[in-house]
Amino acid sequence: MKILTGKLASYSAVINNLFRPGRHLMQAIHYRLFRDRSFVEWDRVSGVQNLD
């Protein structure tokens, strides 16, 4: 069970880093671009299809 918990924690860190880029460290335009790319990457790796 500890191995599973450790793997879950490492995945959580990767996902958290993808969606929390450190807004205070960059200009708003760069933050928005980064967020847009993050969602594109999330859709790709999670297999989620955009239903728009």
PDB file of N, CA and C in Angstrom:
ATOM      1  N   MET A   1       0.814  -1.195   0.000  1.00  0.00           N
ATOM      2  CA  MET A   1       0.000   0.000   0.000  1.00  0.00           C
ATOM      3  C   MET A   1       0.863   1.266   0.000  1.00  0.00           C
ATOM      4  N   LYS A   2       2.038   1.195   0.664  1.00  0.00           N
ATOM      5  CA  LYS A   2       2.917   2.361   0.692  1.00  0.00           C
ATOM      6  C   LYS A   2       3.431   2.706  -0.697  1.00  0.00           C
ATOM      7  N   ILE A   3       3.681   1.694  -1.516  1.00  0.00           N
ATOM      8  CA  ILE A   3       4.162   1.935  -2.881  1.00  0.00           C
ATOM      9  C   ILE A   3       3.104   2.682  -3.679  1.00  0.00           C
ATOM     10  N   LEU A   4       1.856   2.248  -3.567  1.00  0.00           N
ATOM     11  CA  LEU A   4       0.760   2.909  -4.266  1.00  0.00           C
ATOM     12  C   LEU A   4       0.621   4.353  -3.804  1.00  0.00           C
ATOM     13  N   THR A   5       0.717   4.583  -2.512  1.00  0.00           N
ATOM     14  CA  THR A   5       0.613   5.935  -1.976  1.00  0.00           C
ATOM     15  C   THR A   5       1.746   6.813  -2.501  1.00  0.00           C
ATOM     16  N   GLY A   6       2.946   6.271  -2.568  1.00  0.00           N
ATOM     17  CA  GLY A   6       4.082   7.024  -3.094  1.00  0.00           C
ATOM     18  C   GLY A   6       3.913   7.371  -4.557  1.00  0.00           C
ATOM     19  N   LYS A   7       3.413   6.423  -5.347  1.00  0.00           N
ATOM     20  CA  LYS A   7       3.180   6.686  -6.774  1.00  0.00           C
ATOM     21  C   LYS A   7       2.112   7.753  -6.945  1.00  0.00           C
ATOM     22  N   LEU A   8       1.042   7.649  -6.145  1.00  0.00           N
ATOM     23  CA  LEU A   8      -0.034   8.628  -6.218  1.00  0.00           C
ATOM     24  C   LEU A   8       0.489  10.019  -5.884  1.00  0.00           C
ATOM     25  N   ALA A   9       1.327  10.111  -4.883  1.00  0.00           N
ATOM     26  CA  ALA A   9       1.898  11.400  -4.489  1.00  0.00           C
ATOM     27  C   ALA A   9       2.775  11.969  -5.599  1.00  0.00           C
ATOM     28  N   SER A  10       3.539  11.122  -6.270  1.00  0.00           N
ATOM     29  CA  SER A  10       4.395  11.627  -7.344  1.00  0.00           C
ATOM     30  C   SER A  10       3.567  12.092  -8.537  1.00  0.00           C
ATOM     31  N   TYR A  11       2.491  11.383  -8.851  1.00  0.00           N
ATOM     32  CA  TYR A  11       1.609  11.823  -9.940  1.00  0.00           C
ATOM     33  C   TYR A  11       0.927  13.131  -9.576  1.00  0.00           C
ATOM     34  N   SER A  12       0.507  13.239  -8.338  1.00  0.00           N
ATOM     35  CA  SER A  12      -0.146  14.457  -7.876  1.00  0.00           C
ATOM     36  C   SER A  12       0.778  15.657  -8.030  1.00  0.00           C
ATOM     37  N   ALA A  13       2.041  15.478  -7.719  1.00  0.00           N
ATOM     38  CA  ALA A  13       3.009  16.571  -7.839  1.00  0.00           C
ATOM     39  C   ALA A  13       3.167  17.004  -9.293  1.00  0.00           C
ATOM     40  N   VAL A  14       3.214  16.056 -10.212  1.00  0.00           N
ATOM     41  CA  VAL A  14       3.357  16.385 -11.637  1.00  0.00           C
ATOM     42  C   VAL A  14       2.141  17.159 -12.128  1.00  0.00           C
ATOM     43  N   ILE A  15       0.953  16.691 -11.776  1.00  0.00           N
ATOM     44  CA  ILE A  15      -0.276  17.371 -12.196  1.00  0.00           C
ATOM     45  C   ILE A  15      -0.366  18.744 -11.556  1.00  0.00           C
ATOM     46  N   ASN A  16      -0.039  18.825 -10.284  1.00  0.00           N
ATOM     47  CA  ASN A  16      -0.081  20.105  -9.590  1.00  0.00           C
ATOM     48  C   ASN A  16       0.872  21.103 -10.235  1.00  0.00           C
ATOM     49  N   ASN A  17       2.064  20.674 -10.597  1.00  0.00           N
ATOM     50  CA  ASN A  17       3.023  21.561 -11.251  1.00  0.00           C
ATOM     51  C   ASN A  17       2.522  22.018 -12.615  1.00  0.00           C
ATOM     52  N   LEU A  18       1.771  21.175 -13.297  1.00  0.00           N
ATOM     53  CA  LEU A  18       1.236  21.531 -14.608  1.00  0.00           C
ATOM     54  C   LEU A  18       0.224  22.666 -14.504  1.00  0.00           C
ATOM     55  N   PHE A  19      -0.595  22.636 -13.458  1.00  0.00           N
ATOM     56  CA  PHE A  19      -1.681  23.606 -13.339  1.00  0.00           C
ATOM     57  C   PHE A  19      -1.418  24.747 -12.367  1.00  0.00           C
ATOM     58  N   ARG A  20      -0.267  24.780 -11.724  1.00  0.00           N
ATOM     59  CA  ARG A  20       0.063  25.874 -10.815  1.00  0.00           C
ATOM     60  C   ARG A  20       1.440  26.422 -11.189  1.00  0.00           C
ATOM     61  N   PRO A  21       1.505  27.239 -12.218  1.00  0.00           N
ATOM     62  CA  PRO A  21       2.798  27.652 -12.769  1.00  0.00           C
ATOM     63  C   PRO A  21       3.537  28.744 -11.992  1.00  0.00           C
ATOM     64  N   GLY A  22       2.993  29.278 -10.921  1.00  0.00           N
ATOM     65  CA  GLY A  22       3.672  30.359 -10.210  1.00  0.00           C
ATOM     66  C   GLY A  22       3.355  31.707 -10.827  1.00  0.00           C
ATOM     67  N   ARG A  23       2.106  32.082 -10.781  1.00  0.00           N
ATOM     68  CA  ARG A  23       1.610  33.289 -11.429  1.00  0.00           C
ATOM     69  C   ARG A  23       2.415  34.527 -11.047  1.00  0.00           C
ATOM     70  N   HIS A  24       2.848  34.600  -9.809  1.00  0.00           N
ATOM     71  CA  HIS A  24       3.567  35.789  -9.345  1.00  0.00           C
ATOM     72  C   HIS A  24       4.939  35.947 -10.000  1.00  0.00           C
ATOM     73  N   LEU A  25       5.371  34.935 -10.723  1.00  0.00           N
ATOM     74  CA  LEU A  25       6.694  34.982 -11.341  1.00  0.00           C
ATOM     75  C   LEU A  25       6.666  35.359 -12.820  1.00  0.00           C
ATOM     76  N   MET A  26       5.469  35.568 -13.388  1.00  0.00           N
ATOM     77  CA  MET A  26       5.406  35.838 -14.825  1.00  0.00           C
ATOM     78  C   MET A  26       4.343  36.878 -15.157  1.00  0.00           C
ATOM     79  N   GLN A  27       4.463  37.436 -16.334  1.00  0.00           N
ATOM     80  CA  GLN A  27       3.480  38.404 -16.806  1.00  0.00           C
ATOM     81  C   GLN A  27       2.175  37.686 -17.140  1.00  0.00           C
ATOM     82  N   ALA A  28       1.071  38.436 -17.100  1.00  0.00           N
ATOM     83  CA  ALA A  28      -0.255  37.863 -17.315  1.00  0.00           C
ATOM     84  C   ALA A  28      -0.369  37.155 -18.666  1.00  0.00           C
ATOM     85  N   ILE A  29       0.165  37.741 -19.712  1.00  0.00           N
ATOM     86  CA  ILE A  29       0.060  37.132 -21.045  1.00  0.00           C
ATOM     87  C   ILE A  29       0.772  35.785 -21.090  1.00  0.00           C
ATOM     88  N   HIS A  30       1.920  35.694 -20.438  1.00  0.00           N
ATOM     89  CA  HIS A  30       2.655  34.431 -20.403  1.00  0.00           C
ATOM     90  C   HIS A  30       1.926  33.400 -19.547  1.00  0.00           C
ATOM     91  N   TYR A  31       1.319  33.862 -18.463  1.00  0.00           N
ATOM     92  CA  TYR A  31       0.543  32.972 -17.601  1.00  0.00           C
ATOM     93  C   TYR A  31      -0.619  32.350 -18.379  1.00  0.00           C
ATOM     94  N   ARG A  32      -1.333  33.184 -19.144  1.00  0.00           N
ATOM     95  CA  ARG A  32      -2.474  32.683 -19.923  1.00  0.00           C
ATOM     96  C   ARG A  32      -2.025  31.670 -20.972  1.00  0.00           C
ATOM     97  N   LEU A  33      -0.927  31.948 -21.649  1.00  0.00           N
ATOM     98  CA  LEU A  33      -0.394  30.998 -22.631  1.00  0.00           C
ATOM     99  C   LEU A  33      -0.016  29.679 -21.962  1.00  0.00           C
ATOM    100  N   PHE A  34       0.627  29.788 -20.822  1.00  0.00           N
ATOM    101  CA  PHE A  34       1.032  28.596 -20.087  1.00  0.00           C
ATOM    102  C   PHE A  34      -0.186  27.777 -19.671  1.00  0.00           C
ATOM    103  N   ARG A  35      -1.235  28.455 -19.184  1.00  0.00           N
ATOM    104  CA  ARG A  35      -2.452  27.751 -18.775  1.00  0.00           C
ATOM    105  C   ARG A  35      -3.121  27.069 -19.971  1.00  0.00           C
ATOM    106  N   ASP A  36      -3.201  27.749 -21.098  1.00  0.00           N
ATOM    107  CA  ASP A  36      -3.792  27.150 -22.296  1.00  0.00           C
ATOM    108  C   ASP A  36      -3.029  25.895 -22.708  1.00  0.00           C
ATOM    109  N   ARG A  37      -1.713  25.977 -22.695  1.00  0.00           N
ATOM    110  CA  ARG A  37      -0.894  24.811 -23.056  1.00  0.00           C
ATOM    111  C   ARG A  37      -1.049  23.687 -22.039  1.00  0.00           C
ATOM    112  N   SER A  38      -1.217  24.057 -20.777  1.00  0.00           N
ATOM    113  CA  SER A  38      -1.411  23.047 -19.735  1.00  0.00           C
ATOM    114  C   SER A  38      -2.680  22.245 -19.987  1.00  0.00           C
ATOM    115  N   PHE A  39      -3.768  22.919 -20.353  1.00  0.00           N
ATOM    116  CA  PHE A  39      -5.017  22.211 -20.612  1.00  0.00           C
ATOM    117  C   PHE A  39      -4.931  21.348 -21.866  1.00  0.00           C
ATOM    118  N   VAL A  40      -4.223  21.815 -22.875  1.00  0.00           N
ATOM    119  CA  VAL A  40      -4.019  21.004 -24.080  1.00  0.00           C
ATOM    120  C   VAL A  40      -3.241  19.743 -23.726  1.00  0.00           C
ATOM    121  N   GLU A  41      -2.195  19.900 -22.941  1.00  0.00           N
ATOM    122  CA  GLU A  41      -1.386  18.754 -22.519  1.00  0.00           C
ATOM    123  C   GLU A  41      -2.203  17.795 -21.656  1.00  0.00           C
ATOM    124  N   TRP A  42      -3.014  18.338 -20.752  1.00  0.00           N
ATOM    125  CA  TRP A  42      -3.853  17.489 -19.901  1.00  0.00           C
ATOM    126  C   TRP A  42      -4.827  16.674 -20.756  1.00  0.00           C
ATOM    127  N   ASP A  43      -5.458  17.304 -21.732  1.00  0.00           N
ATOM    128  CA  ASP A  43      -6.368  16.584 -22.625  1.00  0.00           C
ATOM    129  C   ASP A  43      -5.636  15.461 -23.353  1.00  0.00           C
ATOM    130  N   ARG A  44      -4.409  15.731 -23.773  1.00  0.00           N
ATOM    131  CA  ARG A  44      -3.634  14.734 -24.502  1.00  0.00           C
ATOM    132  C   ARG A  44      -3.290  13.539 -23.619  1.00  0.00           C
ATOM    133  N   VAL A  45      -2.763  13.782 -22.438  1.00  0.00           N
ATOM    134  CA  VAL A  45      -2.302  12.671 -21.599  1.00  0.00           C
ATOM    135  C   VAL A  45      -3.439  11.938 -20.909  1.00  0.00           C
ATOM    136  N   SER A  46      -4.559  12.613 -20.682  1.00  0.00           N
ATOM    137  CA  SER A  46      -5.668  11.958 -19.981  1.00  0.00           C
ATOM    138  C   SER A  46      -6.642  11.284 -20.944  1.00  0.00           C
ATOM    139  N   GLY A  47      -6.527  11.592 -22.227  1.00  0.00           N
ATOM    140  CA  GLY A  47      -7.420  10.992 -23.207  1.00  0.00           C
ATOM    141  C   GLY A  47      -8.796  11.638 -23.245  1.00  0.00           C
ATOM    142  N   VAL A  48      -8.923  12.787 -22.622  1.00  0.00           N
ATOM    143  CA  VAL A  48     -10.207  13.485 -22.589  1.00  0.00           C
ATOM    144  C   VAL A  48     -10.431  14.169 -23.932  1.00  0.00           C
ATOM    145  N   GLN A  49     -11.599  14.010 -24.466  1.00  0.00           N
ATOM    146  CA  GLN A  49     -11.952  14.657 -25.728  1.00  0.00           C
ATOM    147  C   GLN A  49     -12.712  15.944 -25.424  1.00  0.00           C
ATOM    148  N   ASN A  50     -12.389  17.001 -26.125  1.00  0.00           N
ATOM    149  CA  ASN A  50     -13.107  18.255 -25.961  1.00  0.00           C
ATOM    150  C   ASN A  50     -14.455  18.126 -26.667  1.00  0.00           C
ATOM    151  N   LEU A  51     -15.535  18.366 -25.955  1.00  0.00           N
ATOM    152  CA  LEU A  51     -16.878  18.150 -26.491  1.00  0.00           C
ATOM    153  C   LEU A  51     -17.523  19.429 -27.019  1.00  0.00           C
ATOM    154  N   ASP A  52     -16.722  20.440 -27.302  1.00  0.00           N
ATOM    155  CA  ASP A  52     -17.287  21.707 -27.805  1.00  0.00           C
ATOM    156  C   ASP A  52     -17.957  21.534 -29.120  1.00  0.00           C
TER     157      ASP A  52
END
